[in-house]
Amino acid sequence: MQAAVGTIETLGFPAVLAAADAMVKAGAVTLVYYGLAEKGNFIISIRGRISEVNVAVAAGIEAAENTFGGVVIAHYIIPNPDENIVEVMPIEYTQKVERFRTF
């Protein structure tokens, strides 16, 4: 089964931490990527069923925006990413996150 991908980019670490926590608590999703973008922006990506990713991303946006100084720079959901995207971009389930995988 193809897992959807949801991504949130924030300004500053506290906002991305709040978003990540809210996302994994709000939906049956797995955090598959965390990284530092440019200029102090942070990015996280989750995978799961599209219905779960939608709920989780919404909760993550709300949590990030409610964090003191929290700013959501961008967010996006891809319902069924092409196999080429999954192979090239760092959004695959890895051994490190496999025990948290939701399906």
Protein backbone atom coordinates (compact mmCIF):
# COMPACT_ATOMS: atom_id res chain seq x y z
CA MET A 1 0.00 0.00 0.00
CA GLN A 2 1.34 3.40 -1.00
CA ALA A 3 1.76 5.76 1.95
CA ALA A 4 1.02 9.46 1.64
CA VAL A 5 3.68 12.03 2.55
CA GLY A 6 3.12 15.16 4.59
CA THR A 7 5.76 17.83 5.15
CA ILE A 8 5.96 20.94 7.32
CA GLU A 9 8.73 23.55 7.25
CA THR A 10 9.02 25.96 10.16
CA LEU A 11 11.17 28.85 11.27
CA GLY A 12 13.12 27.71 14.34
CA PHE A 13 13.45 24.47 16.23
CA PRO A 14 10.72 24.85 18.91
CA ALA A 15 8.00 25.12 16.26
CA VAL A 16 9.17 22.02 14.36
CA LEU A 17 9.46 20.07 17.60
CA ALA A 18 5.90 21.02 18.56
CA ALA A 19 4.69 20.13 15.06
CA ALA A 20 6.41 16.72 15.07
CA ASP A 21 5.00 15.85 18.48
CA ALA A 22 1.48 16.91 17.52
CA MET A 23 1.66 15.03 14.21
CA VAL A 24 2.61 11.64 15.63
CA LYS A 25 0.04 12.01 18.42
CA ALA A 26 -2.82 13.16 16.16
CA GLY A 27 -2.68 10.46 13.50
CA ALA A 28 -1.37 6.99 12.83
CA VAL A 29 1.71 8.30 11.01
CA THR A 30 5.44 7.71 11.10
CA LEU A 31 8.01 10.48 11.21
CA VAL A 32 10.42 9.57 8.39
CA TYR A 33 12.54 12.69 7.95
CA TYR A 34 13.86 15.60 9.97
CA GLY A 35 16.30 18.12 8.58
CA LEU A 36 17.66 21.63 8.69
CA ALA A 37 16.72 23.75 5.72
CA GLU A 38 18.34 27.11 5.02
CA LYS A 39 18.34 30.16 7.33
CA GLY A 40 17.29 28.34 10.49
CA ASN A 41 14.28 26.65 8.91
CA PHE A 42 13.53 23.09 9.91
CA ILE A 43 11.59 20.48 7.99
CA ILE A 44 9.85 17.25 8.96
CA SER A 45 8.10 14.62 6.87
CA ILE A 46 5.63 11.95 7.86
CA ARG A 47 4.17 8.92 6.08
CA GLY A 48 0.89 7.09 6.53
CA ARG A 49 -2.58 6.67 5.10
CA ILE A 50 -3.83 9.87 3.45
CA SER A 51 -6.63 10.32 5.98
CA GLU A 52 -4.14 10.06 8.84
CA VAL A 53 -1.60 12.34 7.16
CA ASN A 54 -4.26 15.01 6.59
CA VAL A 55 -5.22 15.01 10.28
CA ALA A 56 -1.60 14.91 11.44
CA VAL A 57 -0.43 17.77 9.20
CA ALA A 58 -3.33 19.96 10.34
CA ALA A 59 -2.44 19.25 13.98
CA GLY A 60 1.25 19.95 13.27
CA ILE A 61 0.49 23.29 11.64
CA GLU A 62 -1.68 24.33 14.57
CA ALA A 63 0.93 23.27 17.14
CA ALA A 64 3.75 25.07 15.31
CA GLU A 65 1.75 28.27 14.96
CA ASN A 66 0.80 28.16 18.66
CA THR A 67 4.44 27.84 19.72
CA PHE A 68 5.95 31.12 20.92
CA GLY A 69 7.60 32.66 17.86
CA GLY A 70 6.47 29.71 15.74
CA VAL A 71 6.09 30.35 12.02
CA VAL A 72 5.04 27.77 9.44
CA ILE A 73 6.96 28.53 6.26
CA ALA A 74 5.39 25.85 4.09
CA HIS A 75 3.46 22.60 4.21
CA TYR A 76 2.40 20.08 1.62
CA ILE A 77 0.76 16.66 1.31
CA ILE A 78 1.31 14.20 -1.53
CA PRO A 79 -1.39 11.52 -1.46
CA ASN A 80 0.38 8.86 -3.54
CA PRO A 81 3.98 9.76 -4.30
CA ASP A 82 5.46 8.19 -7.38
CA GLU A 83 7.97 5.39 -6.80
CA ASN A 84 10.72 7.57 -8.30
CA ILE A 85 10.14 10.24 -5.63
CA VAL A 86 10.23 7.68 -2.83
CA GLU A 87 13.50 6.21 -4.13
CA VAL A 88 15.31 9.53 -4.59
CA MET A 89 14.05 11.76 -1.77
CA PRO A 90 14.64 11.02 1.94
CA ILE A 91 11.05 9.96 2.71
CA GLU A 92 11.37 6.17 2.74
CA TYR A 93 10.75 4.08 5.83
CA THR A 94 14.23 3.32 7.16
CA GLN A 95 15.46 0.73 9.65
CA LYS A 96 15.66 3.55 12.21
CA VAL A 97 11.90 4.32 12.00
CA GLU A 98 10.56 0.86 11.11
CA ARG A 99 9.50 0.07 14.69
CA PHE A 100 7.25 3.16 14.64
CA ARG A 101 5.64 2.31 11.31
CA THR A 102 1.87 2.49 11.46
CA PHE A 103 1.03 0.03 8.64
